[in-house]
Amino acid sequence: MDDDHLSRAFAALSDPTRRDLVSRLTLGDATVGELAAPYDMSLQAVSKHLAVLEAAGLVTRRRDAQRRPVHLEADALADLTTWIDRHRLAVEARMSRLDAVLDELSSTASEESTS
């Protein structure tokens, strides 16, 4: 996933309603009406949220007879997770190095105080 796709995906997920829609879609495909049911907003407003998620590549809509179910794209979430994990691992490695330096300094200080 390139930087532009990442930016659109993270921007799409910056809204709590869209994050909730994504969470609900982890349970399975749903229609706009089914997704809109728990919200105090119009179908059109929910459709606009879904359009943002769709533009970011996080969901797709397909035609299934009379229904147009919304589908969560797991690969797009995997790309986000990969990006986050890469940065998390880099930070954890840096913190491990810092811990090692602090342990060394602490050991040196302890040895000097007992001498």
N, C-alpha and C. Protein backbone atom coordinates (compact mmCIF):
# COMPACT_ATOMS: atom_id res chain seq x y z
N MET A 1 0.86 -1.16 0.00
CA MET A 1 0.00 0.00 0.00
C MET A 1 0.91 1.23 0.00
N ASP A 2 0.71 2.13 -0.96
CA ASP A 2 1.55 3.32 -1.03
C ASP A 2 1.10 4.36 -0.02
N ASP A 3 1.91 5.41 0.12
CA ASP A 3 1.64 6.45 1.12
C ASP A 3 0.28 7.11 0.91
N ASP A 4 -0.12 7.31 -0.36
CA ASP A 4 -1.40 7.94 -0.64
C ASP A 4 -2.55 7.07 -0.13
N HIS A 5 -2.46 5.75 -0.36
CA HIS A 5 -3.49 4.84 0.13
C HIS A 5 -3.51 4.81 1.66
N LEU A 6 -2.32 4.80 2.26
CA LEU A 6 -2.25 4.83 3.72
C LEU A 6 -2.89 6.10 4.27
N SER A 7 -2.59 7.22 3.65
CA SER A 7 -3.16 8.49 4.11
C SER A 7 -4.67 8.48 4.03
N ARG A 8 -5.21 7.97 2.91
CA ARG A 8 -6.67 7.91 2.78
C ARG A 8 -7.29 6.95 3.79
N ALA A 9 -6.62 5.83 4.01
CA ALA A 9 -7.16 4.84 4.96
C ALA A 9 -7.15 5.39 6.38
N PHE A 10 -6.03 5.98 6.80
CA PHE A 10 -5.98 6.53 8.15
C PHE A 10 -6.94 7.71 8.31
N ALA A 11 -7.06 8.53 7.28
CA ALA A 11 -8.01 9.64 7.33
C ALA A 11 -9.44 9.11 7.45
N ALA A 12 -9.75 8.06 6.70
CA ALA A 12 -11.09 7.48 6.77
C ALA A 12 -11.37 6.94 8.16
N LEU A 13 -10.36 6.36 8.78
CA LEU A 13 -10.54 5.77 10.11
C LEU A 13 -10.45 6.79 11.23
N SER A 14 -10.20 8.05 10.90
CA SER A 14 -10.12 9.08 11.94
C SER A 14 -11.49 9.42 12.50
N ASP A 15 -12.54 9.06 11.80
CA ASP A 15 -13.90 9.35 12.25
C ASP A 15 -14.45 8.18 13.06
N PRO A 16 -14.99 8.43 14.26
CA PRO A 16 -15.49 7.34 15.10
C PRO A 16 -16.64 6.55 14.47
N THR A 17 -17.49 7.20 13.70
CA THR A 17 -18.59 6.46 13.05
C THR A 17 -18.03 5.49 12.03
N ARG A 18 -17.05 5.93 11.26
CA ARG A 18 -16.46 5.04 10.26
C ARG A 18 -15.70 3.89 10.93
N ARG A 19 -15.02 4.17 12.04
CA ARG A 19 -14.35 3.08 12.76
C ARG A 19 -15.39 2.07 13.26
N ASP A 20 -16.53 2.57 13.73
CA ASP A 20 -17.58 1.67 14.20
C ASP A 20 -18.14 0.85 13.04
N LEU A 21 -18.32 1.48 11.88
CA LEU A 21 -18.80 0.73 10.72
C LEU A 21 -17.84 -0.39 10.35
N VAL A 22 -16.54 -0.08 10.38
CA VAL A 22 -15.53 -1.10 10.08
C VAL A 22 -15.62 -2.23 11.11
N SER A 23 -15.74 -1.87 12.38
CA SER A 23 -15.86 -2.89 13.44
C SER A 23 -17.07 -3.79 13.21
N ARG A 24 -18.18 -3.17 12.85
CA ARG A 24 -19.40 -3.95 12.62
C ARG A 24 -19.25 -4.85 11.40
N LEU A 25 -18.52 -4.39 10.39
CA LEU A 25 -18.33 -5.21 9.18
C LEU A 25 -17.39 -6.38 9.42
N THR A 26 -16.65 -6.38 10.52
CA THR A 26 -15.82 -7.56 10.83
C THR A 26 -16.70 -8.78 11.13
N LEU A 27 -17.96 -8.52 11.47
CA LEU A 27 -18.89 -9.62 11.75
C LEU A 27 -19.48 -10.21 10.48
N GLY A 28 -19.36 -9.48 9.37
CA GLY A 28 -19.88 -9.97 8.09
C GLY A 28 -20.43 -8.83 7.25
N ASP A 29 -20.68 -9.14 6.00
CA ASP A 29 -21.23 -8.14 5.08
C ASP A 29 -22.60 -7.68 5.56
N ALA A 30 -22.94 -6.44 5.23
CA ALA A 30 -24.23 -5.87 5.64
C ALA A 30 -24.66 -4.83 4.62
N THR A 31 -25.94 -4.60 4.54
CA THR A 31 -26.46 -3.55 3.65
C THR A 31 -26.33 -2.20 4.35
N VAL A 32 -26.50 -1.14 3.57
CA VAL A 32 -26.45 0.20 4.14
C VAL A 32 -27.54 0.35 5.20
N GLY A 33 -28.73 -0.17 4.91
CA GLY A 33 -29.83 -0.10 5.87
C GLY A 33 -29.50 -0.81 7.17
N GLU A 34 -28.90 -1.98 7.07
CA GLU A 34 -28.51 -2.72 8.28
C GLU A 34 -27.45 -1.96 9.06
N LEU A 35 -26.51 -1.37 8.34
CA LEU A 35 -25.45 -0.62 9.00
C LEU A 35 -25.98 0.66 9.64
N ALA A 36 -26.98 1.27 9.00
CA ALA A 36 -27.53 2.55 9.48
C ALA A 36 -28.45 2.38 10.69
N ALA A 37 -28.99 1.19 10.88
CA ALA A 37 -30.03 0.97 11.90
C ALA A 37 -29.69 1.53 13.29
N PRO A 38 -28.51 1.31 13.83
CA PRO A 38 -28.27 1.78 15.20
C PRO A 38 -27.95 3.28 15.32
N TYR A 39 -27.79 3.96 14.21
CA TYR A 39 -27.39 5.36 14.25
C TYR A 39 -28.59 6.30 14.15
N ASP A 40 -28.44 7.44 14.75
CA ASP A 40 -29.45 8.48 14.64
C ASP A 40 -29.03 9.42 13.51
N MET A 41 -28.96 8.85 12.29
CA MET A 41 -28.60 9.62 11.10
C MET A 41 -29.28 8.99 9.90
N SER A 42 -29.35 9.73 8.84
CA SER A 42 -30.05 9.25 7.64
C SER A 42 -29.22 8.19 6.91
N LEU A 43 -29.92 7.45 6.06
CA LEU A 43 -29.22 6.48 5.20
C LEU A 43 -28.19 7.20 4.34
N GLN A 44 -28.54 8.40 3.89
CA GLN A 44 -27.63 9.17 3.05
C GLN A 44 -26.34 9.51 3.81
N ALA A 45 -26.45 9.85 5.08
CA ALA A 45 -25.26 10.16 5.89
C ALA A 45 -24.38 8.93 6.05
N VAL A 46 -25.00 7.78 6.31
CA VAL A 46 -24.24 6.53 6.44
C VAL A 46 -23.60 6.19 5.10
N SER A 47 -24.32 6.40 4.02
CA SER A 47 -23.77 6.15 2.68
C SER A 47 -22.55 7.02 2.41
N LYS A 48 -22.57 8.26 2.89
CA LYS A 48 -21.42 9.14 2.72
C LYS A 48 -20.21 8.62 3.50
N HIS A 49 -20.45 8.13 4.71
CA HIS A 49 -19.36 7.52 5.48
C HIS A 49 -18.80 6.31 4.74
N LEU A 50 -19.70 5.51 4.20
CA LEU A 50 -19.25 4.32 3.47
C LEU A 50 -18.49 4.70 2.20
N ALA A 51 -18.89 5.79 1.56
CA ALA A 51 -18.18 6.26 0.37
C ALA A 51 -16.74 6.64 0.70
N VAL A 52 -16.53 7.24 1.87
CA VAL A 52 -15.17 7.58 2.31
C VAL A 52 -14.37 6.30 2.54
N LEU A 53 -14.97 5.33 3.21
CA LEU A 53 -14.29 4.04 3.44
C LEU A 53 -14.00 3.33 2.12
N GLU A 54 -14.92 3.44 1.18
CA GLU A 54 -14.74 2.81 -0.13
C GLU A 54 -13.61 3.50 -0.90
N ALA A 55 -13.57 4.81 -0.89
CA ALA A 55 -12.51 5.55 -1.58
C ALA A 55 -11.14 5.22 -1.00
N ALA A 56 -11.11 4.89 0.29
CA ALA A 56 -9.86 4.52 0.95
C ALA A 56 -9.50 3.05 0.71
N GLY A 57 -10.39 2.31 0.04
CA GLY A 57 -10.12 0.90 -0.25
C GLY A 57 -10.40 -0.03 0.92
N LEU A 58 -11.08 0.47 1.94
CA LEU A 58 -11.35 -0.36 3.12
C LEU A 58 -12.60 -1.20 2.98
N VAL A 59 -13.55 -0.75 2.17
CA VAL A 59 -14.77 -1.53 1.93
C VAL A 59 -15.09 -1.51 0.44
N THR A 60 -15.85 -2.49 0.02
CA THR A 60 -16.37 -2.53 -1.35
C THR A 60 -17.87 -2.82 -1.25
N ARG A 61 -18.56 -2.44 -2.31
CA ARG A 61 -19.99 -2.75 -2.40
C ARG A 61 -20.19 -3.57 -3.66
N ARG A 62 -21.02 -4.57 -3.57
CA ARG A 62 -21.32 -5.38 -4.74
C ARG A 62 -22.80 -5.61 -4.84
N ARG A 63 -23.23 -5.99 -5.99
CA ARG A 63 -24.65 -6.25 -6.18
C ARG A 63 -24.89 -7.75 -5.99
N ASP A 64 -25.86 -8.07 -5.16
CA ASP A 64 -26.24 -9.45 -4.88
C ASP A 64 -27.76 -9.51 -4.98
N ALA A 65 -28.25 -9.78 -6.21
CA ALA A 65 -29.69 -9.74 -6.50
C ALA A 65 -30.21 -8.33 -6.18
N GLN A 66 -31.13 -8.21 -5.24
CA GLN A 66 -31.70 -6.91 -4.89
C GLN A 66 -30.86 -6.19 -3.83
N ARG A 67 -29.97 -6.90 -3.20
CA ARG A 67 -29.15 -6.32 -2.12
C ARG A 67 -27.86 -5.76 -2.67
N ARG A 68 -27.31 -4.79 -1.96
CA ARG A 68 -25.97 -4.26 -2.27
C ARG A 68 -25.15 -4.31 -0.98
N PRO A 69 -24.69 -5.50 -0.62
CA PRO A 69 -23.95 -5.62 0.64
C PRO A 69 -22.61 -4.88 0.60
N VAL A 70 -22.24 -4.37 1.75
CA VAL A 70 -20.94 -3.73 1.94
C VAL A 70 -20.01 -4.78 2.52
N HIS A 71 -18.81 -4.86 1.95
CA HIS A 71 -17.84 -5.88 2.33
C HIS A 71 -16.56 -5.22 2.84
N LEU A 72 -16.07 -5.67 3.97
CA LEU A 72 -14.82 -5.16 4.53
C LEU A 72 -13.65 -5.84 3.82
N GLU A 73 -12.72 -5.06 3.33
CA GLU A 73 -11.55 -5.59 2.63
C GLU A 73 -10.43 -5.88 3.63
N ALA A 74 -10.30 -7.14 3.99
CA ALA A 74 -9.32 -7.56 5.00
C ALA A 74 -7.89 -7.23 4.57
N ASP A 75 -7.61 -7.32 3.27
CA ASP A 75 -6.25 -7.03 2.80
C ASP A 75 -5.86 -5.58 3.09
N ALA A 76 -6.81 -4.67 2.98
CA ALA A 76 -6.52 -3.27 3.27
C ALA A 76 -6.19 -3.09 4.75
N LEU A 77 -6.91 -3.79 5.62
CA LEU A 77 -6.60 -3.73 7.04
C LEU A 77 -5.24 -4.36 7.32
N ALA A 78 -4.91 -5.42 6.60
CA ALA A 78 -3.61 -6.06 6.77
C ALA A 78 -2.49 -5.10 6.39
N ASP A 79 -2.69 -4.31 5.34
CA ASP A 79 -1.68 -3.33 4.95
C ASP A 79 -1.46 -2.29 6.05
N LEU A 80 -2.55 -1.84 6.67
CA LEU A 80 -2.44 -0.88 7.78
C LEU A 80 -1.71 -1.51 8.96
N THR A 81 -2.06 -2.75 9.26
CA THR A 81 -1.43 -3.46 10.37
C THR A 81 0.06 -3.65 10.12
N THR A 82 0.42 -3.98 8.89
CA THR A 82 1.83 -4.15 8.54
C THR A 82 2.59 -2.85 8.75
N TRP A 83 2.01 -1.73 8.32
CA TRP A 83 2.66 -0.43 8.49
C TRP A 83 2.83 -0.11 9.98
N ILE A 84 1.77 -0.32 10.75
CA ILE A 84 1.82 -0.04 12.19
C ILE A 84 2.83 -0.95 12.87
N ASP A 85 2.81 -2.24 12.55
CA ASP A 85 3.74 -3.19 13.17
C ASP A 85 5.19 -2.85 12.87
N ARG A 86 5.48 -2.43 11.64
CA ARG A 86 6.85 -2.07 11.28
C ARG A 86 7.35 -0.94 12.17
N HIS A 87 6.50 0.04 12.40
CA HIS A 87 6.90 1.17 13.24
C HIS A 87 6.92 0.80 14.73
N ARG A 88 6.01 -0.02 15.14
CA ARG A 88 5.99 -0.48 16.54
C ARG A 88 7.26 -1.26 16.85
N LEU A 89 7.66 -2.15 15.94
CA LEU A 89 8.87 -2.94 16.15
C LEU A 89 10.12 -2.06 16.21
N ALA A 90 10.17 -1.03 15.38
CA ALA A 90 11.31 -0.10 15.39
C ALA A 90 11.38 0.63 16.74
N VAL A 91 10.24 1.07 17.24
CA VAL A 91 10.21 1.76 18.54
C VAL A 91 10.60 0.79 19.66
N GLU A 92 10.09 -0.43 19.61
CA GLU A 92 10.43 -1.41 20.64
C GLU A 92 11.92 -1.72 20.63
N ALA A 93 12.53 -1.81 19.45
CA ALA A 93 13.97 -2.07 19.35
C ALA A 93 14.75 -0.90 19.95
N ARG A 94 14.31 0.31 19.64
CA ARG A 94 14.98 1.49 20.19
C ARG A 94 14.86 1.52 21.72
N MET A 95 13.69 1.19 22.23
CA MET A 95 13.49 1.18 23.68
C MET A 95 14.32 0.08 24.34
N SER A 96 14.48 -1.05 23.68
CA SER A 96 15.32 -2.13 24.21
C SER A 96 16.77 -1.68 24.31
N ARG A 97 17.23 -0.98 23.29
CA ARG A 97 18.61 -0.45 23.32
C ARG A 97 18.76 0.55 24.46
N LEU A 98 17.77 1.41 24.64
CA LEU A 98 17.81 2.38 25.72
C LEU A 98 17.82 1.67 27.08
N ASP A 99 16.98 0.65 27.24
CA ASP A 99 16.97 -0.12 28.48
C ASP A 99 18.34 -0.73 28.77
N ALA A 100 18.99 -1.26 27.72
CA ALA A 100 20.31 -1.85 27.89
C ALA A 100 21.33 -0.81 28.35
N VAL A 101 21.28 0.38 27.76
CA VAL A 101 22.19 1.46 28.16
C VAL A 101 21.92 1.88 29.60
N LEU A 102 20.65 2.02 29.96
CA LEU A 102 20.31 2.41 31.33
C LEU A 102 20.72 1.34 32.34
N ASP A 103 20.56 0.07 31.98
CA ASP A 103 20.99 -1.02 32.86
C ASP A 103 22.51 -0.97 33.05
N GLU A 104 23.22 -0.72 31.97
CA GLU A 104 24.68 -0.62 32.05
C GLU A 104 25.10 0.55 32.93
N LEU A 105 24.44 1.70 32.75
CA LEU A 105 24.75 2.86 33.59
C LEU A 105 24.43 2.59 35.05
N SER A 106 23.34 1.91 35.30
CA SER A 106 22.94 1.58 36.66
C SER A 106 23.95 0.63 37.30
N SER A 107 24.40 -0.36 36.54
CA SER A 107 25.39 -1.31 37.05
C SER A 107 26.70 -0.60 37.35
N THR A 108 27.12 0.28 36.48
CA THR A 108 28.37 1.03 36.66
C THR A 108 28.25 1.91 37.90
N ALA A 109 27.13 2.58 38.08
CA ALA A 109 26.91 3.44 39.24
C ALA A 109 26.92 2.63 40.52
N SER A 110 26.31 1.45 40.49
CA SER A 110 26.27 0.59 41.67
C SER A 110 27.66 0.10 42.04
N GLU A 111 28.45 -0.27 41.04
CA GLU A 111 29.82 -0.73 41.29
C GLU A 111 30.67 0.39 41.88
N GLU A 112 30.48 1.61 41.38
CA GLU A 112 31.28 2.74 41.86
C GLU A 112 30.90 3.10 43.29
N SER A 113 29.62 2.95 43.65
CA SER A 113 29.19 3.33 44.99
C SER A 113 29.63 2.29 46.03
N THR A 114 29.85 1.06 45.63
CA THR A 114 30.30 0.02 46.57
C THR A 114 31.81 -0.01 46.69
N SER A 115 32.51 0.68 45.83
CA SER A 115 33.99 0.67 45.88
C SER A 115 34.51 1.62 46.89
